[in-house]
Amino acid sequence: MKKGQPSMPDVEVEHAPDLIGQGPPDSRERALLRETLEFALKDLFRTAASTKSLRQETHDWVFGEPSGRGRWPYGDFASLCEALGIDPDALREQLRRDLEKQGGTS
């Protein structure tokens, strides 16, 4: 990790690397998109009571309808996935299965 960068939270999400892919990012923008998605997946699987609000907000972002809000072109889950070459519906389905195994809701 580079000096001055925030550390990744210590959250076990065994499937996240498989869902996102392993290849190196081809640009800084792509790297940012990958990190955004990785953080979101970790937030979705947090179990601490203190993260309930964050988990719900992330759940709504992943499984809800695109809001069209915001100035960032990848403001919704599907757009971000598509920019990374990931099928958002396939990823959602995998996440639903993993949440059910964990005992969460989807």
PDB file of N, CA and C in Angstrom:
ATOM      1  N   MET A   1       0.842  -1.165   0.000  1.00  0.00           N
ATOM      2  CA  MET A   1       0.000   0.000   0.000  1.00  0.00           C
ATOM      3  C   MET A   1       0.890   1.231   0.000  1.00  0.00           C
ATOM      4  N   LYS A   2       0.516   2.224  -0.775  1.00  0.00           N
ATOM      5  CA  LYS A   2       1.271   3.457  -0.848  1.00  0.00           C
ATOM      6  C   LYS A   2       1.013   4.299   0.389  1.00  0.00           C
ATOM      7  N   LYS A   3       2.033   5.026   0.803  1.00  0.00           N
ATOM      8  CA  LYS A   3       1.907   5.889   1.964  1.00  0.00           C
ATOM      9  C   LYS A   3       0.831   6.946   1.702  1.00  0.00           C
ATOM     10  N   GLY A   4      -0.008   7.181   2.692  1.00  0.00           N
ATOM     11  CA  GLY A   4      -1.048   8.183   2.573  1.00  0.00           C
ATOM     12  C   GLY A   4      -2.378   7.643   2.071  1.00  0.00           C
ATOM     13  N   GLN A   5      -2.398   6.393   1.599  1.00  0.00           N
ATOM     14  CA  GLN A   5      -3.656   5.809   1.139  1.00  0.00           C
ATOM     15  C   GLN A   5      -4.389   5.201   2.325  1.00  0.00           C
ATOM     16  N   PRO A   6      -5.714   5.315   2.350  1.00  0.00           N
ATOM     17  CA  PRO A   6      -6.460   4.671   3.432  1.00  0.00           C
ATOM     18  C   PRO A   6      -6.344   3.159   3.296  1.00  0.00           C
ATOM     19  N   SER A   7      -6.336   2.471   4.411  1.00  0.00           N
ATOM     20  CA  SER A   7      -6.243   1.016   4.355  1.00  0.00           C
ATOM     21  C   SER A   7      -7.616   0.422   4.092  1.00  0.00           C
ATOM     22  N   MET A   8      -7.617  -0.729   3.460  1.00  0.00           N
ATOM     23  CA  MET A   8      -8.858  -1.443   3.211  1.00  0.00           C
ATOM     24  C   MET A   8      -9.344  -2.020   4.535  1.00  0.00           C
ATOM     25  N   PRO A   9     -10.633  -1.974   4.792  1.00  0.00           N
ATOM     26  CA  PRO A   9     -11.136  -2.581   6.018  1.00  0.00           C
ATOM     27  C   PRO A   9     -10.904  -4.082   5.990  1.00  0.00           C
ATOM     28  N   ASP A  10     -10.711  -4.667   7.143  1.00  0.00           N
ATOM     29  CA  ASP A  10     -10.476  -6.096   7.233  1.00  0.00           C
ATOM     30  C   ASP A  10     -11.820  -6.817   7.251  1.00  0.00           C
ATOM     31  N   VAL A  11     -12.330  -7.118   6.068  1.00  0.00           N
ATOM     32  CA  VAL A  11     -13.622  -7.770   5.922  1.00  0.00           C
ATOM     33  C   VAL A  11     -13.420  -8.988   5.041  1.00  0.00           C
ATOM     34  N   GLU A  12     -13.924 -10.117   5.490  1.00  0.00           N
ATOM     35  CA  GLU A  12     -13.776 -11.331   4.694  1.00  0.00           C
ATOM     36  C   GLU A  12     -14.899 -11.422   3.677  1.00  0.00           C
ATOM     37  N   VAL A  13     -14.538 -11.313   2.428  1.00  0.00           N
ATOM     38  CA  VAL A  13     -15.476 -11.493   1.334  1.00  0.00           C
ATOM     39  C   VAL A  13     -14.771 -12.414   0.359  1.00  0.00           C
ATOM     40  N   GLU A  14     -14.930 -13.698   0.579  1.00  0.00           N
ATOM     41  CA  GLU A  14     -14.157 -14.687  -0.157  1.00  0.00           C
ATOM     42  C   GLU A  14     -14.381 -14.636  -1.661  1.00  0.00           C
ATOM     43  N   HIS A  15     -15.566 -14.290  -2.093  1.00  0.00           N
ATOM     44  CA  HIS A  15     -15.891 -14.341  -3.508  1.00  0.00           C
ATOM     45  C   HIS A  15     -15.550 -13.066  -4.272  1.00  0.00           C
ATOM     46  N   ALA A  16     -15.274 -11.972  -3.596  1.00  0.00           N
ATOM     47  CA  ALA A  16     -15.092 -10.692  -4.275  1.00  0.00           C
ATOM     48  C   ALA A  16     -14.043 -10.735  -5.384  1.00  0.00           C
ATOM     49  N   PRO A  17     -12.834 -11.275  -5.168  1.00  0.00           N
ATOM     50  CA  PRO A  17     -11.859 -11.287  -6.265  1.00  0.00           C
ATOM     51  C   PRO A  17     -12.339 -12.080  -7.471  1.00  0.00           C
ATOM     52  N   ASP A  18     -13.047 -13.183  -7.245  1.00  0.00           N
ATOM     53  CA  ASP A  18     -13.531 -13.994  -8.359  1.00  0.00           C
ATOM     54  C   ASP A  18     -14.576 -13.256  -9.173  1.00  0.00           C
ATOM     55  N   LEU A  19     -15.410 -12.477  -8.519  1.00  0.00           N
ATOM     56  CA  LEU A  19     -16.477 -11.770  -9.210  1.00  0.00           C
ATOM     57  C   LEU A  19     -15.950 -10.576  -9.994  1.00  0.00           C
ATOM     58  N   ILE A  20     -14.909  -9.952  -9.496  1.00  0.00           N
ATOM     59  CA  ILE A  20     -14.407  -8.737 -10.115  1.00  0.00           C
ATOM     60  C   ILE A  20     -13.374  -9.046 -11.185  1.00  0.00           C
ATOM     61  N   GLY A  21     -12.677 -10.144 -11.080  1.00  0.00           N
ATOM     62  CA  GLY A  21     -11.649 -10.471 -12.060  1.00  0.00           C
ATOM     63  C   GLY A  21     -10.267 -10.201 -11.501  1.00  0.00           C
ATOM     64  N   GLN A  22      -9.267 -10.712 -12.166  1.00  0.00           N
ATOM     65  CA  GLN A  22      -7.931 -10.645 -11.625  1.00  0.00           C
ATOM     66  C   GLN A  22      -6.964  -9.775 -12.418  1.00  0.00           C
ATOM     67  N   GLY A  23      -7.286  -9.424 -13.640  1.00  0.00           N
ATOM     68  CA  GLY A  23      -6.335  -8.696 -14.471  1.00  0.00           C
ATOM     69  C   GLY A  23      -6.010  -7.317 -13.931  1.00  0.00           C
ATOM     70  N   PRO A  24      -4.816  -6.825 -14.246  1.00  0.00           N
ATOM     71  CA  PRO A  24      -4.458  -5.484 -13.787  1.00  0.00           C
ATOM     72  C   PRO A  24      -5.301  -4.433 -14.498  1.00  0.00           C
ATOM     73  N   PRO A  25      -5.609  -3.334 -13.813  1.00  0.00           N
ATOM     74  CA  PRO A  25      -6.393  -2.285 -14.460  1.00  0.00           C
ATOM     75  C   PRO A  25      -5.601  -1.675 -15.608  1.00  0.00           C
ATOM     76  N   ASP A  26      -6.307  -1.261 -16.637  1.00  0.00           N
ATOM     77  CA  ASP A  26      -5.615  -0.701 -17.794  1.00  0.00           C
ATOM     78  C   ASP A  26      -5.541   0.818 -17.737  1.00  0.00           C
ATOM     79  N   SER A  27      -6.077   1.415 -16.687  1.00  0.00           N
ATOM     80  CA  SER A  27      -6.008   2.859 -16.540  1.00  0.00           C
ATOM     81  C   SER A  27      -6.311   3.226 -15.093  1.00  0.00           C
ATOM     82  N   ARG A  28      -6.017   4.462 -14.737  1.00  0.00           N
ATOM     83  CA  ARG A  28      -6.329   4.914 -13.377  1.00  0.00           C
ATOM     84  C   ARG A  28      -7.834   4.933 -13.138  1.00  0.00           C
ATOM     85  N   GLU A  29      -8.589   5.308 -14.152  1.00  0.00           N
ATOM     86  CA  GLU A  29     -10.046   5.328 -14.009  1.00  0.00           C
ATOM     87  C   GLU A  29     -10.572   3.924 -13.755  1.00  0.00           C
ATOM     88  N   ARG A  30     -10.068   2.963 -14.503  1.00  0.00           N
ATOM     89  CA  ARG A  30     -10.498   1.577 -14.317  1.00  0.00           C
ATOM     90  C   ARG A  30     -10.128   1.088 -12.911  1.00  0.00           C
ATOM     91  N   ALA A  31      -8.954   1.466 -12.443  1.00  0.00           N
ATOM     92  CA  ALA A  31      -8.539   1.078 -11.093  1.00  0.00           C
ATOM     93  C   ALA A  31      -9.491   1.666 -10.053  1.00  0.00           C
ATOM     94  N   LEU A  32      -9.886   2.919 -10.243  1.00  0.00           N
ATOM     95  CA  LEU A  32     -10.823   3.558  -9.322  1.00  0.00           C
ATOM     96  C   LEU A  32     -12.176   2.843  -9.343  1.00  0.00           C
ATOM     97  N   LEU A  33     -12.640   2.479 -10.524  1.00  0.00           N
ATOM     98  CA  LEU A  33     -13.915   1.764 -10.638  1.00  0.00           C
ATOM     99  C   LEU A  33     -13.843   0.420  -9.921  1.00  0.00           C
ATOM    100  N   ARG A  34     -12.742  -0.292 -10.121  1.00  0.00           N
ATOM    101  CA  ARG A  34     -12.565  -1.599  -9.464  1.00  0.00           C
ATOM    102  C   ARG A  34     -12.570  -1.433  -7.942  1.00  0.00           C
ATOM    103  N   GLU A  35     -11.849  -0.440  -7.452  1.00  0.00           N
ATOM    104  CA  GLU A  35     -11.797  -0.229  -6.007  1.00  0.00           C
ATOM    105  C   GLU A  35     -13.161   0.157  -5.455  1.00  0.00           C
ATOM    106  N   THR A  36     -13.901   0.963  -6.199  1.00  0.00           N
ATOM    107  CA  THR A  36     -15.249   1.347  -5.778  1.00  0.00           C
ATOM    108  C   THR A  36     -16.132   0.110  -5.644  1.00  0.00           C
ATOM    109  N   LEU A  37     -16.071  -0.759  -6.640  1.00  0.00           N
ATOM    110  CA  LEU A  37     -16.878  -1.975  -6.600  1.00  0.00           C
ATOM    111  C   LEU A  37     -16.422  -2.899  -5.472  1.00  0.00           C
ATOM    112  N   GLU A  38     -15.131  -3.034  -5.280  1.00  0.00           N
ATOM    113  CA  GLU A  38     -14.622  -3.882  -4.203  1.00  0.00           C
ATOM    114  C   GLU A  38     -15.091  -3.374  -2.835  1.00  0.00           C
ATOM    115  N   PHE A  39     -15.008  -2.064  -2.609  1.00  0.00           N
ATOM    116  CA  PHE A  39     -15.482  -1.506  -1.341  1.00  0.00           C
ATOM    117  C   PHE A  39     -16.967  -1.755  -1.169  1.00  0.00           C
ATOM    118  N   ALA A  40     -17.741  -1.579  -2.230  1.00  0.00           N
ATOM    119  CA  ALA A  40     -19.189  -1.796  -2.144  1.00  0.00           C
ATOM    120  C   ALA A  40     -19.496  -3.245  -1.780  1.00  0.00           C
ATOM    121  N   LEU A  41     -18.790  -4.184  -2.389  1.00  0.00           N
ATOM    122  CA  LEU A  41     -19.036  -5.593  -2.073  1.00  0.00           C
ATOM    123  C   LEU A  41     -18.697  -5.885  -0.618  1.00  0.00           C
ATOM    124  N   LYS A  42     -17.623  -5.316  -0.138  1.00  0.00           N
ATOM    125  CA  LYS A  42     -17.270  -5.522   1.267  1.00  0.00           C
ATOM    126  C   LYS A  42     -18.325  -4.907   2.178  1.00  0.00           C
ATOM    127  N   ASP A  43     -18.807  -3.712   1.819  1.00  0.00           N
ATOM    128  CA  ASP A  43     -19.844  -3.068   2.623  1.00  0.00           C
ATOM    129  C   ASP A  43     -21.117  -3.906   2.648  1.00  0.00           C
ATOM    130  N   LEU A  44     -21.431  -4.532   1.539  1.00  0.00           N
ATOM    131  CA  LEU A  44     -22.647  -5.336   1.437  1.00  0.00           C
ATOM    132  C   LEU A  44     -22.611  -6.539   2.374  1.00  0.00           C
ATOM    133  N   PHE A  45     -21.425  -7.057   2.644  1.00  0.00           N
ATOM    134  CA  PHE A  45     -21.306  -8.269   3.451  1.00  0.00           C
ATOM    135  C   PHE A  45     -20.856  -8.006   4.888  1.00  0.00           C
ATOM    136  N   ARG A  46     -20.817  -6.753   5.286  1.00  0.00           N
ATOM    137  CA  ARG A  46     -20.463  -6.442   6.682  1.00  0.00           C
ATOM    138  C   ARG A  46     -21.561  -6.971   7.599  1.00  0.00           C
ATOM    139  N   THR A  47     -21.164  -7.413   8.775  1.00  0.00           N
ATOM    140  CA  THR A  47     -22.142  -7.986   9.695  1.00  0.00           C
ATOM    141  C   THR A  47     -22.268  -7.211  11.003  1.00  0.00           C
ATOM    142  N   ALA A  48     -21.369  -6.296  11.278  1.00  0.00           N
ATOM    143  CA  ALA A  48     -21.437  -5.540  12.539  1.00  0.00           C
ATOM    144  C   ALA A  48     -22.693  -4.679  12.572  1.00  0.00           C
ATOM    145  N   ALA A  49     -23.314  -4.623  13.722  1.00  0.00           N
ATOM    146  CA  ALA A  49     -24.541  -3.832  13.880  1.00  0.00           C
ATOM    147  C   ALA A  49     -24.305  -2.363  13.545  1.00  0.00           C
ATOM    148  N   SER A  50     -23.115  -1.876  13.809  1.00  0.00           N
ATOM    149  CA  SER A  50     -22.820  -0.459  13.569  1.00  0.00           C
ATOM    150  C   SER A  50     -22.770  -0.115  12.078  1.00  0.00           C
ATOM    151  N   THR A  51     -22.759  -1.119  11.220  1.00  0.00           N
ATOM    152  CA  THR A  51     -22.689  -0.861   9.774  1.00  0.00           C
ATOM    153  C   THR A  51     -24.017  -1.118   9.077  1.00  0.00           C
ATOM    154  N   LYS A  52     -25.087  -1.278   9.838  1.00  0.00           N
ATOM    155  CA  LYS A  52     -26.390  -1.614   9.253  1.00  0.00           C
ATOM    156  C   LYS A  52     -26.840  -0.593   8.208  1.00  0.00           C
ATOM    157  N   SER A  53     -26.708   0.683   8.509  1.00  0.00           N
ATOM    158  CA  SER A  53     -27.124   1.736   7.588  1.00  0.00           C
ATOM    159  C   SER A  53     -26.294   1.703   6.298  1.00  0.00           C
ATOM    160  N   LEU A  54     -24.994   1.556   6.435  1.00  0.00           N
ATOM    161  CA  LEU A  54     -24.110   1.468   5.274  1.00  0.00           C
ATOM    162  C   LEU A  54     -24.443   0.244   4.433  1.00  0.00           C
ATOM    163  N   ARG A  55     -24.675  -0.868   5.094  1.00  0.00           N
ATOM    164  CA  ARG A  55     -25.024  -2.108   4.395  1.00  0.00           C
ATOM    165  C   ARG A  55     -26.330  -1.945   3.620  1.00  0.00           C
ATOM    166  N   GLN A  56     -27.326  -1.291   4.227  1.00  0.00           N
ATOM    167  CA  GLN A  56     -28.615  -1.084   3.561  1.00  0.00           C
ATOM    168  C   GLN A  56     -28.463  -0.155   2.365  1.00  0.00           C
ATOM    169  N   GLU A  57     -27.703   0.914   2.535  1.00  0.00           N
ATOM    170  CA  GLU A  57     -27.478   1.850   1.435  1.00  0.00           C
ATOM    171  C   GLU A  57     -26.780   1.149   0.264  1.00  0.00           C
ATOM    172  N   THR A  58     -25.809   0.317   0.577  1.00  0.00           N
ATOM    173  CA  THR A  58     -25.101  -0.425  -0.474  1.00  0.00           C
ATOM    174  C   THR A  58     -26.039  -1.430  -1.137  1.00  0.00           C
ATOM    175  N   HIS A  59     -26.854  -2.103  -0.332  1.00  0.00           N
ATOM    176  CA  HIS A  59     -27.837  -3.055  -0.874  1.00  0.00           C
ATOM    177  C   HIS A  59     -28.769  -2.352  -1.855  1.00  0.00           C
ATOM    178  N   ASP A  60     -29.257  -1.178  -1.473  1.00  0.00           N
ATOM    179  CA  ASP A  60     -30.145  -0.417  -2.347  1.00  0.00           C
ATOM    180  C   ASP A  60     -29.441  -0.021  -3.641  1.00  0.00           C
ATOM    181  N   TRP A  61     -28.155   0.330  -3.556  1.00  0.00           N
ATOM    182  CA  TRP A  61     -27.382   0.714  -4.747  1.00  0.00           C
ATOM    183  C   TRP A  61     -27.192  -0.477  -5.679  1.00  0.00           C
ATOM    184  N   VAL A  62     -26.904  -1.647  -5.121  1.00  0.00           N
ATOM    185  CA  VAL A  62     -26.651  -2.835  -5.941  1.00  0.00           C
ATOM    186  C   VAL A  62     -27.937  -3.389  -6.535  1.00  0.00           C
ATOM    187  N   PHE A  63     -28.982  -3.525  -5.725  1.00  0.00           N
ATOM    188  CA  PHE A  63     -30.192  -4.221  -6.160  1.00  0.00           C
ATOM    189  C   PHE A  63     -31.332  -3.300  -6.582  1.00  0.00           C
ATOM    190  N   GLY A  64     -31.221  -2.008  -6.300  1.00  0.00           N
ATOM    191  CA  GLY A  64     -32.290  -1.073  -6.649  1.00  0.00           C
ATOM    192  C   GLY A  64     -32.217  -0.614  -8.087  1.00  0.00           C
ATOM    193  N   GLU A  65     -33.196   0.143  -8.458  1.00  0.00           N
ATOM    194  CA  GLU A  65     -33.241   0.719  -9.804  1.00  0.00           C
ATOM    195  C   GLU A  65     -32.269   1.896  -9.886  1.00  0.00           C
ATOM    196  N   PRO A  66     -31.635   2.090 -11.035  1.00  0.00           N
ATOM    197  CA  PRO A  66     -30.740   3.240 -11.188  1.00  0.00           C
ATOM    198  C   PRO A  66     -31.500   4.539 -10.936  1.00  0.00           C
ATOM    199  N   SER A  67     -30.878   5.421 -10.183  1.00  0.00           N
ATOM    200  CA  SER A  67     -31.558   6.669  -9.818  1.00  0.00           C
ATOM    201  C   SER A  67     -31.343   7.759 -10.853  1.00  0.00           C
ATOM    202  N   GLY A  68     -30.265   7.649 -11.623  1.00  0.00           N
ATOM    203  CA  GLY A  68     -29.967   8.680 -12.592  1.00  0.00           C
ATOM    204  C   GLY A  68     -29.450   9.950 -11.944  1.00  0.00           C
ATOM    205  N   ARG A  69     -29.238   9.899 -10.625  1.00  0.00           N
ATOM    206  CA  ARG A  69     -28.750  11.074  -9.904  1.00  0.00           C
ATOM    207  C   ARG A  69     -27.243  11.120  -9.942  1.00  0.00           C
ATOM    208  N   GLY A  70     -26.727  12.272  -9.656  1.00  0.00           N
ATOM    209  CA  GLY A  70     -25.292  12.420  -9.527  1.00  0.00           C
ATOM    210  C   GLY A  70     -24.632  12.872 -10.812  1.00  0.00           C
ATOM    211  N   ARG A  71     -23.454  13.391 -10.647  1.00  0.00           N
ATOM    212  CA  ARG A  71     -22.710  13.906 -11.795  1.00  0.00           C
ATOM    213  C   ARG A  71     -21.698  12.900 -12.305  1.00  0.00           C
ATOM    214  N   TRP A  72     -21.442  11.868 -11.548  1.00  0.00           N
ATOM    215  CA  TRP A  72     -20.457  10.883 -11.948  1.00  0.00           C
ATOM    216  C   TRP A  72     -21.077   9.934 -12.961  1.00  0.00           C
ATOM    217  N   PRO A  73     -20.432   9.671 -14.097  1.00  0.00           N
ATOM    218  CA  PRO A  73     -21.057   8.837 -15.128  1.00  0.00           C
ATOM    219  C   PRO A  73     -21.290   7.392 -14.702  1.00  0.00           C
ATOM    220  N   TYR A  74     -20.643   6.951 -13.632  1.00  0.00           N
ATOM    221  CA  TYR A  74     -20.821   5.570 -13.167  1.00  0.00           C
ATOM    222  C   TYR A  74     -21.567   5.546 -11.847  1.00  0.00           C
ATOM    223  N   GLY A  75     -22.525   6.450 -11.676  1.00  0.00           N
ATOM    224  CA  GLY A  75     -23.231   6.594 -10.416  1.00  0.00           C
ATOM    225  C   GLY A  75     -24.127   5.428 -10.044  1.00  0.00           C
ATOM    226  N   ASP A  76     -24.501   4.603 -11.000  1.00  0.00           N
ATOM    227  CA  ASP A  76     -25.317   3.450 -10.640  1.00  0.00           C
ATOM    228  C   ASP A  76     -24.521   2.163 -10.830  1.00  0.00           C
ATOM    229  N   PHE A  77     -24.949   1.133 -10.139  1.00  0.00           N
ATOM    230  CA  PHE A  77     -24.257  -0.152 -10.111  1.00  0.00           C
ATOM    231  C   PHE A  77     -24.066  -0.736 -11.506  1.00  0.00           C
ATOM    232  N   ALA A  78     -25.119  -0.745 -12.306  1.00  0.00           N
ATOM    233  CA  ALA A  78     -25.043  -1.361 -13.637  1.00  0.00           C
ATOM    234  C   ALA A  78     -24.024  -0.644 -14.523  1.00  0.00           C
ATOM    235  N   SER A  79     -24.012   0.674 -14.490  1.00  0.00           N
ATOM    236  CA  SER A  79     -23.060   1.430 -15.311  1.00  0.00           C
ATOM    237  C   SER A  79     -21.624   1.141 -14.907  1.00  0.00           C
ATOM    238  N   LEU A  80     -21.392   1.070 -13.604  1.00  0.00           N
ATOM    239  CA  LEU A  80     -20.046   0.774 -13.121  1.00  0.00           C
ATOM    240  C   LEU A  80     -19.618  -0.619 -13.565  1.00  0.00           C
ATOM    241  N   CYS A  81     -20.489  -1.596 -13.402  1.00  0.00           N
ATOM    242  CA  CYS A  81     -20.168  -2.964 -13.824  1.00  0.00           C
ATOM    243  C   CYS A  81     -19.879  -3.030 -15.320  1.00  0.00           C
ATOM    244  N   GLU A  82     -20.740  -2.411 -16.110  1.00  0.00           N
ATOM    245  CA  GLU A  82     -20.566  -2.452 -17.556  1.00  0.00           C
ATOM    246  C   GLU A  82     -19.257  -1.799 -17.981  1.00  0.00           C
ATOM    247  N   ALA A  83     -18.849  -0.732 -17.302  1.00  0.00           N
ATOM    248  CA  ALA A  83     -17.584  -0.082 -17.618  1.00  0.00           C
ATOM    249  C   ALA A  83     -16.403  -1.004 -17.341  1.00  0.00           C
ATOM    250  N   LEU A  84     -16.592  -1.947 -16.415  1.00  0.00           N
ATOM    251  CA  LEU A  84     -15.543  -2.905 -16.081  1.00  0.00           C
ATOM    252  C   LEU A  84     -15.666  -4.208 -16.866  1.00  0.00           C
ATOM    253  N   GLY A  85     -16.677  -4.300 -17.731  1.00  0.00           N
ATOM    254  CA  GLY A  85     -16.874  -5.526 -18.503  1.00  0.00           C
ATOM    255  C   GLY A  85     -17.506  -6.648 -17.701  1.00  0.00           C
ATOM    256  N   ILE A  86     -18.256  -6.285 -16.660  1.00  0.00           N
ATOM    257  CA  ILE A  86     -18.920  -7.263 -15.798  1.00  0.00           C
ATOM    258  C   ILE A  86     -20.410  -7.208 -16.072  1.00  0.00           C
ATOM    259  N   ASP A  87     -21.033  -8.362 -16.198  1.00  0.00           N
ATOM    260  CA  ASP A  87     -22.481  -8.426 -16.387  1.00  0.00           C
ATOM    261  C   ASP A  87     -23.145  -8.115 -15.044  1.00  0.00           C
ATOM    262  N   PRO A  88     -23.818  -6.964 -14.913  1.00  0.00           N
ATOM    263  CA  PRO A  88     -24.386  -6.595 -13.611  1.00  0.00           C
ATOM    264  C   PRO A  88     -25.455  -7.571 -13.124  1.00  0.00           C
ATOM    265  N   ASP A  89     -26.236  -8.140 -14.024  1.00  0.00           N
ATOM    266  CA  ASP A  89     -27.276  -9.079 -13.596  1.00  0.00           C
ATOM    267  C   ASP A  89     -26.670 -10.378 -13.071  1.00  0.00           C
ATOM    268  N   ALA A  90     -25.616 -10.853 -13.719  1.00  0.00           N
ATOM    269  CA  ALA A  90     -24.946 -12.070 -13.246  1.00  0.00           C
ATOM    270  C   ALA A  90     -24.299 -11.824 -11.888  1.00  0.00           C
ATOM    271  N   LEU A  91     -23.695 -10.658 -11.716  1.00  0.00           N
ATOM    272  CA  LEU A  91     -23.081 -10.330 -10.431  1.00  0.00           C
ATOM    273  C   LEU A  91     -24.139 -10.208  -9.349  1.00  0.00           C
ATOM    274  N   ARG A  92     -25.258  -9.567  -9.658  1.00  0.00           N
ATOM    275  CA  ARG A  92     -26.353  -9.454  -8.672  1.00  0.00           C
ATOM    276  C   ARG A  92     -26.840 -10.831  -8.244  1.00  0.00           C
ATOM    277  N   GLU A  93     -26.987 -11.725  -9.199  1.00  0.00           N
ATOM    278  CA  GLU A  93     -27.466 -13.075  -8.877  1.00  0.00           C
ATOM    279  C   GLU A  93     -26.475 -13.797  -7.967  1.00  0.00           C
ATOM    280  N   GLN A  94     -25.189 -13.673  -8.261  1.00  0.00           N
ATOM    281  CA  GLN A  94     -24.168 -14.284  -7.398  1.00  0.00           C
ATOM    282  C   GLN A  94     -24.212 -13.668  -6.005  1.00  0.00           C
ATOM    283  N   LEU A  95     -24.366 -12.364  -5.941  1.00  0.00           N
ATOM    284  CA  LEU A  95     -24.438 -11.686  -4.648  1.00  0.00           C
ATOM    285  C   LEU A  95     -25.674 -12.122  -3.863  1.00  0.00           C
ATOM    286  N   ARG A  96     -26.803 -12.291  -4.544  1.00  0.00           N
ATOM    287  CA  ARG A  96     -28.031 -12.782  -3.863  1.00  0.00           C
ATOM    288  C   ARG A  96     -27.778 -14.139  -3.224  1.00  0.00           C
ATOM    289  N   ARG A  97     -27.165 -15.031  -3.991  1.00  0.00           N
ATOM    290  CA  ARG A  97     -26.874 -16.377  -3.461  1.00  0.00           C
ATOM    291  C   ARG A  97     -25.944 -16.294  -2.252  1.00  0.00           C
ATOM    292  N   ASP A  98     -24.910 -15.467  -2.361  1.00  0.00           N
ATOM    293  CA  ASP A  98     -23.949 -15.342  -1.274  1.00  0.00           C
ATOM    294  C   ASP A  98     -24.577 -14.703  -0.040  1.00  0.00           C
ATOM    295  N   LEU A  99     -25.456 -13.732  -0.230  1.00  0.00           N
ATOM    296  CA  LEU A  99     -26.155 -13.116   0.895  1.00  0.00           C
ATOM    297  C   LEU A  99     -27.077 -14.122   1.576  1.00  0.00           C
ATOM    298  N   GLU A 100     -27.745 -14.949   0.788  1.00  0.00           N
ATOM    299  CA  GLU A 100     -28.612 -15.981   1.375  1.00  0.00           C
ATOM    300  C   GLU A 100     -27.801 -16.968   2.197  1.00  0.00           C
ATOM    301  N   LYS A 101     -26.623 -17.343   1.725  1.00  0.00           N
ATOM    302  CA  LYS A 101     -25.758 -18.251   2.480  1.00  0.00           C
ATOM    303  C   LYS A 101     -25.338 -17.616   3.790  1.00  0.00           C
ATOM    304  N   GLN A 102     -25.103 -16.309   3.768  1.00  0.00           N
ATOM    305  CA  GLN A 102     -24.666 -15.583   4.943  1.00  0.00           C
ATOM    306  C   GLN A 102     -25.840 -15.345   5.906  1.00  0.00           C
ATOM    307  N   GLY A 103     -27.055 -15.452   5.380  1.00  0.00           N
ATOM    308  CA  GLY A 103     -28.217 -15.208   6.214  1.00  0.00           C
ATOM    309  C   GLY A 103     -28.755 -13.797   6.088  1.00  0.00           C
ATOM    310  N   GLY A 104     -28.268 -13.079   5.066  1.00  0.00           N
ATOM    311  CA  GLY A 104     -28.728 -11.715   4.817  1.00  0.00           C
ATOM    312  C   GLY A 104     -29.931 -11.725   3.931  1.00  0.00           C
ATOM    313  N   THR A 105     -30.356 -10.561   3.544  1.00  0.00           N
ATOM    314  CA  THR A 105     -31.495 -10.441   2.651  1.00  0.00           C
ATOM    315  C   THR A 105     -31.035  -9.904   1.311  1.00  0.00           C
ATOM    316  N   SER A 106     -31.788 -10.211   0.299  1.00  0.00           N
ATOM    317  CA  SER A 106     -31.514  -9.631  -1.023  1.00  0.00           C
ATOM    318  C   SER A 106     -32.810  -9.199  -1.584  1.00  0.00           C
TER     319      SER A 106
END
